[in-house]
């Protein structure tokens, strides 16, 4: 099962990199939100996978920030079209 989790983390990091490219190369702010969201998702999953002992409240806050971040990203994309 760790292989599937590792694959998922790699996909999250790939999406984060694409978000970064959208932000820096295309100058679209929603790319920055995508980058933030998927970087947090990857970090969150790594913490869970490796059992790094980060307090649950920190993980919940990170997940909430990621959720708000992707909401802003899709809203900005929606308004841009």
PDB file of N, CA and C in Angstrom:
ATOM      1  N   UNK A   1       0.814  -1.195   0.000  1.00  0.00           N
ATOM      2  CA  UNK A   1       0.000   0.000   0.000  1.00  0.00           C
ATOM      3  C   UNK A   1       0.859   1.261   0.000  1.00  0.00           C
ATOM      4  N   UNK A   2       2.072   1.180   0.575  1.00  0.00           N
ATOM      5  CA  UNK A   2       2.964   2.333   0.579  1.00  0.00           C
ATOM      6  C   UNK A   2       3.338   2.772  -0.835  1.00  0.00           C
ATOM      7  N   UNK A   3       3.367   1.825  -1.775  1.00  0.00           N
ATOM      8  CA  UNK A   3       3.701   2.179  -3.151  1.00  0.00           C
ATOM      9  C   UNK A   3       2.652   3.107  -3.748  1.00  0.00           C
ATOM     10  N   UNK A   4       1.389   2.812  -3.459  1.00  0.00           N
ATOM     11  CA  UNK A   4       0.301   3.642  -3.961  1.00  0.00           C
ATOM     12  C   UNK A   4       0.342   5.029  -3.315  1.00  0.00           C
ATOM     13  N   UNK A   5       0.614   5.078  -2.040  1.00  0.00           N
ATOM     14  CA  UNK A   5       0.738   6.363  -1.331  1.00  0.00           C
ATOM     15  C   UNK A   5       1.918   7.160  -1.874  1.00  0.00           C
ATOM     16  N   UNK A   6       3.031   6.506  -2.121  1.00  0.00           N
ATOM     17  CA  UNK A   6       4.206   7.174  -2.686  1.00  0.00           C
ATOM     18  C   UNK A   6       3.898   7.713  -4.079  1.00  0.00           C
ATOM     19  N   UNK A   7       3.215   6.920  -4.890  1.00  0.00           N
ATOM     20  CA  UNK A   7       2.803   7.376  -6.218  1.00  0.00           C
ATOM     21  C   UNK A   7       1.919   8.610  -6.117  1.00  0.00           C
ATOM     22  N   UNK A   8       0.977   8.596  -5.181  1.00  0.00           N
ATOM     23  CA  UNK A   8       0.077   9.725  -4.976  1.00  0.00           C
ATOM     24  C   UNK A   8       0.853  10.990  -4.605  1.00  0.00           C
ATOM     25  N   UNK A   9       1.839  10.849  -3.744  1.00  0.00           N
ATOM     26  CA  UNK A   9       2.668  11.987  -3.339  1.00  0.00           C
ATOM     27  C   UNK A   9       3.442  12.525  -4.533  1.00  0.00           C
ATOM     28  N   UNK A  10       3.941  11.650  -5.369  1.00  0.00           N
ATOM     29  CA  UNK A  10       4.671  12.086  -6.563  1.00  0.00           C
ATOM     30  C   UNK A  10       3.751  12.852  -7.519  1.00  0.00           C
ATOM     31  N   UNK A  11       2.520  12.393  -7.665  1.00  0.00           N
ATOM     32  CA  UNK A  11       1.550  13.103  -8.507  1.00  0.00           C
ATOM     33  C   UNK A  11       1.233  14.473  -7.900  1.00  0.00           C
ATOM     34  N   UNK A  12       1.062  14.529  -6.594  1.00  0.00           N
ATOM     35  CA  UNK A  12       0.815  15.817  -5.930  1.00  0.00           C
ATOM     36  C   UNK A  12       1.968  16.794  -6.160  1.00  0.00           C
ATOM     37  N   UNK A  13       3.178  16.300  -6.101  1.00  0.00           N
ATOM     38  CA  UNK A  13       4.331  17.173  -6.336  1.00  0.00           C
ATOM     39  C   UNK A  13       4.403  17.615  -7.797  1.00  0.00           C
ATOM     40  N   UNK A  14       4.009  16.734  -8.721  1.00  0.00           N
ATOM     41  CA  UNK A  14       3.977  17.120 -10.138  1.00  0.00           C
ATOM     42  C   UNK A  14       2.951  18.229 -10.367  1.00  0.00           C
ATOM     43  N   UNK A  15       1.782  18.094  -9.751  1.00  0.00           N
ATOM     44  CA  UNK A  15       0.759  19.138  -9.868  1.00  0.00           C
ATOM     45  C   UNK A  15       1.270  20.440  -9.241  1.00  0.00           C
ATOM     46  N   UNK A  16       1.961  20.349  -8.112  1.00  0.00           N
ATOM     47  CA  UNK A  16       2.523  21.545  -7.475  1.00  0.00           C
ATOM     48  C   UNK A  16       3.506  22.241  -8.411  1.00  0.00           C
ATOM     49  N   UNK A  17       4.337  21.472  -9.094  1.00  0.00           N
ATOM     50  CA  UNK A  17       5.313  22.056 -10.028  1.00  0.00           C
ATOM     51  C   UNK A  17       4.601  22.734 -11.199  1.00  0.00           C
ATOM     52  N   UNK A  18       3.563  22.098 -11.718  1.00  0.00           N
ATOM     53  CA  UNK A  18       2.796  22.725 -12.804  1.00  0.00           C
ATOM     54  C   UNK A  18       2.146  24.016 -12.308  1.00  0.00           C
ATOM     55  N   UNK A  19       1.615  24.002 -11.097  1.00  0.00           N
ATOM     56  CA  UNK A  19       1.052  25.222 -10.515  1.00  0.00           C
ATOM     57  C   UNK A  19       2.094  26.315 -10.402  1.00  0.00           C
ATOM     58  N   UNK A  20       3.289  25.955  -9.999  1.00  0.00           N
ATOM     59  CA  UNK A  20       4.383  26.923  -9.898  1.00  0.00           C
ATOM     60  C   UNK A  20       4.720  27.507 -11.268  1.00  0.00           C
ATOM     61  N   UNK A  21       4.750  26.662 -12.280  1.00  0.00           N
ATOM     62  CA  UNK A  21       5.029  27.140 -13.639  1.00  0.00           C
ATOM     63  C   UNK A  21       3.933  28.077 -14.146  1.00  0.00           C
ATOM     64  N   UNK A  22       2.684  27.742 -13.851  1.00  0.00           N
ATOM     65  CA  UNK A  22       1.576  28.623 -14.234  1.00  0.00           C
ATOM     66  C   UNK A  22       1.745  29.990 -13.571  1.00  0.00           C
ATOM     67  N   UNK A  23       2.111  29.963 -12.316  1.00  0.00           N
ATOM     68  CA  UNK A  23       2.271  31.198 -11.552  1.00  0.00           C
ATOM     69  C   UNK A  23       3.446  32.031 -12.065  1.00  0.00           C
ATOM     70  N   UNK A  24       4.594  31.401 -12.248  1.00  0.00           N
ATOM     71  CA  UNK A  24       5.802  32.148 -12.600  1.00  0.00           C
ATOM     72  C   UNK A  24       5.919  32.455 -14.089  1.00  0.00           C
ATOM     73  N   UNK A  25       5.587  31.499 -14.935  1.00  0.00           N
ATOM     74  CA  UNK A  25       5.773  31.701 -16.367  1.00  0.00           C
ATOM     75  C   UNK A  25       4.571  32.369 -17.040  1.00  0.00           C
ATOM     76  N   UNK A  26       3.398  32.017 -16.609  1.00  0.00           N
ATOM     77  CA  UNK A  26       2.197  32.581 -17.233  1.00  0.00           C
ATOM     78  C   UNK A  26       1.622  33.744 -16.447  1.00  0.00           C
ATOM     79  N   UNK A  27       2.205  34.006 -15.283  1.00  0.00           N
ATOM     80  CA  UNK A  27       1.805  35.131 -14.438  1.00  0.00           C
ATOM     81  C   UNK A  27       0.333  35.073 -14.016  1.00  0.00           C
ATOM     82  N   UNK A  28      -0.137  33.868 -13.756  1.00  0.00           N
ATOM     83  CA  UNK A  28      -1.506  33.670 -13.287  1.00  0.00           C
ATOM     84  C   UNK A  28      -1.465  33.365 -11.800  1.00  0.00           C
ATOM     85  N   UNK A  29      -2.129  34.216 -11.002  1.00  0.00           N
ATOM     86  CA  UNK A  29      -2.051  34.040  -9.549  1.00  0.00           C
ATOM     87  C   UNK A  29      -2.667  32.731  -9.074  1.00  0.00           C
ATOM     88  N   UNK A  30      -3.635  32.213  -9.823  1.00  0.00           N
ATOM     89  CA  UNK A  30      -4.227  30.954  -9.381  1.00  0.00           C
ATOM     90  C   UNK A  30      -3.203  29.817  -9.399  1.00  0.00           C
ATOM     91  N   UNK A  31      -2.161  29.949 -10.221  1.00  0.00           N
ATOM     92  CA  UNK A  31      -1.094  28.947 -10.213  1.00  0.00           C
ATOM     93  C   UNK A  31      -0.392  28.879  -8.864  1.00  0.00           C
ATOM     94  N   UNK A  32      -0.224  30.020  -8.228  1.00  0.00           N
ATOM     95  CA  UNK A  32       0.374  30.056  -6.893  1.00  0.00           C
ATOM     96  C   UNK A  32      -0.477  29.340  -5.860  1.00  0.00           C
ATOM     97  N   UNK A  33      -1.798  29.491  -5.993  1.00  0.00           N
ATOM     98  CA  UNK A  33      -2.694  28.785  -5.074  1.00  0.00           C
ATOM     99  C   UNK A  33      -2.672  27.274  -5.313  1.00  0.00           C
ATOM    100  N   UNK A  34      -2.586  26.887  -6.576  1.00  0.00           N
ATOM    101  CA  UNK A  34      -2.459  25.453  -6.896  1.00  0.00           C
ATOM    102  C   UNK A  34      -1.156  24.912  -6.321  1.00  0.00           C
ATOM    103  N   UNK A  35      -0.079  25.663  -6.510  1.00  0.00           N
ATOM    104  CA  UNK A  35       1.217  25.266  -5.950  1.00  0.00           C
ATOM    105  C   UNK A  35       1.132  25.098  -4.432  1.00  0.00           C
ATOM    106  N   UNK A  36       0.564  26.084  -3.751  1.00  0.00           N
ATOM    107  CA  UNK A  36       0.430  26.008  -2.288  1.00  0.00           C
ATOM    108  C   UNK A  36      -0.397  24.795  -1.880  1.00  0.00           C
ATOM    109  N   UNK A  37      -1.539  24.619  -2.520  1.00  0.00           N
ATOM    110  CA  UNK A  37      -2.440  23.516  -2.162  1.00  0.00           C
ATOM    111  C   UNK A  37      -1.752  22.162  -2.269  1.00  0.00           C
ATOM    112  N   UNK A  38      -1.130  21.903  -3.418  1.00  0.00           N
ATOM    113  CA  UNK A  38      -0.580  20.569  -3.630  1.00  0.00           C
ATOM    114  C   UNK A  38       0.743  20.355  -2.920  1.00  0.00           C
ATOM    115  N   UNK A  39       1.439  21.435  -2.584  1.00  0.00           N
ATOM    116  CA  UNK A  39       2.619  21.300  -1.721  1.00  0.00           C
ATOM    117  C   UNK A  39       2.174  20.887  -0.319  1.00  0.00           C
ATOM    118  N   UNK A  40       1.111  21.522   0.178  1.00  0.00           N
ATOM    119  CA  UNK A  40       0.575  21.142   1.489  1.00  0.00           C
ATOM    120  C   UNK A  40       0.071  19.703   1.463  1.00  0.00           C
ATOM    121  N   UNK A  41      -0.650  19.324   0.409  1.00  0.00           N
ATOM    122  CA  UNK A  41      -1.140  17.946   0.318  1.00  0.00           C
ATOM    123  C   UNK A  41       0.017  16.943   0.358  1.00  0.00           C
ATOM    124  N   UNK A  42       1.074  17.224  -0.386  1.00  0.00           N
ATOM    125  CA  UNK A  42       2.234  16.330  -0.381  1.00  0.00           C
ATOM    126  C   UNK A  42       2.883  16.250   0.984  1.00  0.00           C
ATOM    127  N   UNK A  43       3.082  17.415   1.612  1.00  0.00           N
ATOM    128  CA  UNK A  43       3.661  17.480   2.951  1.00  0.00           C
ATOM    129  C   UNK A  43       2.799  16.696   3.944  1.00  0.00           C
ATOM    130  N   UNK A  44       1.506  16.906   3.867  1.00  0.00           N
ATOM    131  CA  UNK A  44       0.548  16.225   4.746  1.00  0.00           C
ATOM    132  C   UNK A  44       0.663  14.704   4.585  1.00  0.00           C
ATOM    133  N   UNK A  45       0.692  14.255   3.336  1.00  0.00           N
ATOM    134  CA  UNK A  45       0.770  12.811   3.087  1.00  0.00           C
ATOM    135  C   UNK A  45       2.109  12.218   3.522  1.00  0.00           C
ATOM    136  N   UNK A  46       3.188  12.959   3.337  1.00  0.00           N
ATOM    137  CA  UNK A  46       4.504  12.487   3.801  1.00  0.00           C
ATOM    138  C   UNK A  46       4.511  12.336   5.314  1.00  0.00           C
ATOM    139  N   UNK A  47       3.948  13.310   6.011  1.00  0.00           N
ATOM    140  CA  UNK A  47       3.865  13.233   7.474  1.00  0.00           C
ATOM    141  C   UNK A  47       3.080  11.999   7.901  1.00  0.00           C
ATOM    142  N   UNK A  48       1.950  11.756   7.239  1.00  0.00           N
ATOM    143  CA  UNK A  48       1.133  10.580   7.558  1.00  0.00           C
ATOM    144  C   UNK A  48       1.860   9.276   7.234  1.00  0.00           C
ATOM    145  N   UNK A  49       2.506   9.232   6.079  1.00  0.00           N
ATOM    146  CA  UNK A  49       3.188   8.014   5.632  1.00  0.00           C
ATOM    147  C   UNK A  49       4.344   7.647   6.558  1.00  0.00           C
ATOM    148  N   UNK A  50       5.138   8.633   6.924  1.00  0.00           N
ATOM    149  CA  UNK A  50       6.319   8.376   7.736  1.00  0.00           C
ATOM    150  C   UNK A  50       6.061   8.485   9.234  1.00  0.00           C
ATOM    151  N   UNK A  51       4.862   8.859   9.637  1.00  0.00           N
ATOM    152  CA  UNK A  51       4.526   8.963  11.051  1.00  0.00           C
ATOM    153  C   UNK A  51       5.449   9.899  11.812  1.00  0.00           C
ATOM    154  N   UNK A  52       5.576  11.135  11.312  1.00  0.00           N
ATOM    155  CA  UNK A  52       6.538  12.079  11.886  1.00  0.00           C
ATOM    156  C   UNK A  52       6.088  12.724  13.197  1.00  0.00           C
ATOM    157  N   UNK A  53       4.896  12.420  13.643  1.00  0.00           N
ATOM    158  CA  UNK A  53       4.461  12.892  14.949  1.00  0.00           C
ATOM    159  C   UNK A  53       4.108  14.374  15.015  1.00  0.00           C
ATOM    160  N   UNK A  54       3.682  14.934  13.905  1.00  0.00           N
ATOM    161  CA  UNK A  54       3.233  16.329  13.902  1.00  0.00           C
ATOM    162  C   UNK A  54       1.868  16.362  14.579  1.00  0.00           C
ATOM    163  N   UNK A  55       1.654  17.318  15.481  1.00  0.00           N
ATOM    164  CA  UNK A  55       0.363  17.382  16.190  1.00  0.00           C
ATOM    165  C   UNK A  55      -0.821  17.477  15.228  1.00  0.00           C
ATOM    166  N   UNK A  56      -1.889  16.821  15.595  1.00  0.00           N
ATOM    167  CA  UNK A  56      -3.094  16.753  14.755  1.00  0.00           C
ATOM    168  C   UNK A  56      -3.653  18.134  14.440  1.00  0.00           C
ATOM    169  N   UNK A  57      -3.586  19.058  15.367  1.00  0.00           N
ATOM    170  CA  UNK A  57      -4.115  20.405  15.133  1.00  0.00           C
ATOM    171  C   UNK A  57      -3.355  21.096  13.990  1.00  0.00           C
ATOM    172  N   UNK A  58      -2.063  20.871  13.905  1.00  0.00           N
ATOM    173  CA  UNK A  58      -1.255  21.457  12.826  1.00  0.00           C
ATOM    174  C   UNK A  58      -1.698  20.865  11.485  1.00  0.00           C
ATOM    175  N   UNK A  59      -1.910  19.556  11.454  1.00  0.00           N
ATOM    176  CA  UNK A  59      -2.358  18.896  10.230  1.00  0.00           C
ATOM    177  C   UNK A  59      -3.739  19.396   9.806  1.00  0.00           C
ATOM    178  N   UNK A  60      -4.623  19.597  10.755  1.00  0.00           N
ATOM    179  CA  UNK A  60      -5.964  20.096  10.436  1.00  0.00           C
ATOM    180  C   UNK A  60      -5.903  21.516   9.881  1.00  0.00           C
ATOM    181  N   UNK A  61      -5.057  22.345  10.463  1.00  0.00           N
ATOM    182  CA  UNK A  61      -4.895  23.719   9.977  1.00  0.00           C
ATOM    183  C   UNK A  61      -4.325  23.702   8.566  1.00  0.00           C
ATOM    184  N   UNK A  62      -3.291  22.890   8.347  1.00  0.00           N
ATOM    185  CA  UNK A  62      -2.707  22.783   7.007  1.00  0.00           C
ATOM    186  C   UNK A  62      -3.741  22.336   5.977  1.00  0.00           C
ATOM    187  N   UNK A  63      -4.555  21.356   6.334  1.00  0.00           N
ATOM    188  CA  UNK A  63      -5.560  20.860   5.409  1.00  0.00           C
ATOM    189  C   UNK A  63      -6.600  21.929   5.112  1.00  0.00           C
ATOM    190  N   UNK A  64      -6.983  22.709   6.132  1.00  0.00           N
ATOM    191  CA  UNK A  64      -7.936  23.803   5.932  1.00  0.00           C
ATOM    192  C   UNK A  64      -7.350  24.881   5.022  1.00  0.00           C
ATOM    193  N   UNK A  65      -6.079  25.219   5.222  1.00  0.00           N
ATOM    194  CA  UNK A  65      -5.417  26.206   4.362  1.00  0.00           C
ATOM    195  C   UNK A  65      -5.388  25.709   2.917  1.00  0.00           C
ATOM    196  N   UNK A  66      -5.069  24.442   2.731  1.00  0.00           N
ATOM    197  CA  UNK A  66      -5.040  23.872   1.381  1.00  0.00           C
ATOM    198  C   UNK A  66      -6.427  23.910   0.741  1.00  0.00           C
ATOM    199  N   UNK A  67      -7.446  23.630   1.507  1.00  0.00           N
ATOM    200  CA  UNK A  67      -8.813  23.642   0.973  1.00  0.00           C
ATOM    201  C   UNK A  67      -9.229  25.043   0.544  1.00  0.00           C
ATOM    202  N   UNK A  68      -8.930  26.037   1.366  1.00  0.00           N
ATOM    203  CA  UNK A  68      -9.240  27.426   1.014  1.00  0.00           C
ATOM    204  C   UNK A  68      -8.417  27.845  -0.200  1.00  0.00           C
ATOM    205  N   UNK A  69      -7.168  27.441  -0.246  1.00  0.00           N
ATOM    206  CA  UNK A  69      -6.285  27.793  -1.345  1.00  0.00           C
ATOM    207  C   UNK A  69      -6.808  27.273  -2.681  1.00  0.00           C
ATOM    208  N   UNK A  70      -7.242  26.030  -2.730  1.00  0.00           N
ATOM    209  CA  UNK A  70      -7.745  25.490  -3.998  1.00  0.00           C
ATOM    210  C   UNK A  70      -9.085  26.111  -4.356  1.00  0.00           C
ATOM    211  N   UNK A  71      -9.881  26.477  -3.361  1.00  0.00           N
ATOM    212  CA  UNK A  71     -11.128  27.188  -3.628  1.00  0.00           C
ATOM    213  C   UNK A  71     -10.842  28.529  -4.302  1.00  0.00           C
ATOM    214  N   UNK A  72      -9.878  29.272  -3.795  1.00  0.00           N
ATOM    215  CA  UNK A  72      -9.493  30.542  -4.402  1.00  0.00           C
ATOM    216  C   UNK A  72      -8.969  30.311  -5.816  1.00  0.00           C
ATOM    217  N   UNK A  73      -8.170  29.278  -6.003  1.00  0.00           N
ATOM    218  CA  UNK A  73      -7.606  28.985  -7.333  1.00  0.00           C
ATOM    219  C   UNK A  73      -8.701  28.723  -8.352  1.00  0.00           C
ATOM    220  N   UNK A  74      -9.644  27.866  -8.023  1.00  0.00           N
ATOM    221  CA  UNK A  74     -10.685  27.549  -8.995  1.00  0.00           C
ATOM    222  C   UNK A  74     -11.621  28.727  -9.197  1.00  0.00           C
ATOM    223  N   UNK A  75     -11.846  29.513  -8.164  1.00  0.00           N
ATOM    224  CA  UNK A  75     -12.677  30.710  -8.313  1.00  0.00           C
ATOM    225  C   UNK A  75     -12.006  31.707  -9.259  1.00  0.00           C
ATOM    226  N   UNK A  76     -10.713  31.925  -9.095  1.00  0.00           N
ATOM    227  CA  UNK A  76      -9.987  32.835  -9.987  1.00  0.00           C
ATOM    228  C   UNK A  76      -9.973  32.301 -11.422  1.00  0.00           C
ATOM    229  N   UNK A  77      -9.827  31.017 -11.583  1.00  0.00           N
ATOM    230  CA  UNK A  77      -9.865  30.421 -12.913  1.00  0.00           C
ATOM    231  C   UNK A  77     -11.256  30.576 -13.522  1.00  0.00           C
ATOM    232  N   UNK A  78     -12.269  30.362 -12.747  1.00  0.00           N
ATOM    233  CA  UNK A  78     -13.645  30.511 -13.205  1.00  0.00           C
ATOM    234  C   UNK A  78     -13.906  31.940 -13.672  1.00  0.00           C
ATOM    235  N   UNK A  79     -13.438  32.904 -12.904  1.00  0.00           N
ATOM    236  CA  UNK A  79     -13.645  34.314 -13.250  1.00  0.00           C
ATOM    237  C   UNK A  79     -12.813  34.748 -14.453  1.00  0.00           C
ATOM    238  N   UNK A  80     -11.709  34.061 -14.702  1.00  0.00           N
ATOM    239  CA  UNK A  80     -10.819  34.431 -15.815  1.00  0.00           C
ATOM    240  C   UNK A  80     -11.396  34.016 -17.166  1.00  0.00           C
ATOM    241  N   UNK A  81     -12.220  32.992 -17.176  1.00  0.00           N
ATOM    242  CA  UNK A  81     -12.786  32.508 -18.459  1.00  0.00           C
ATOM    243  C   UNK A  81     -14.057  33.232 -18.825  1.00  0.00           C
TER     244      UNK A  81
END
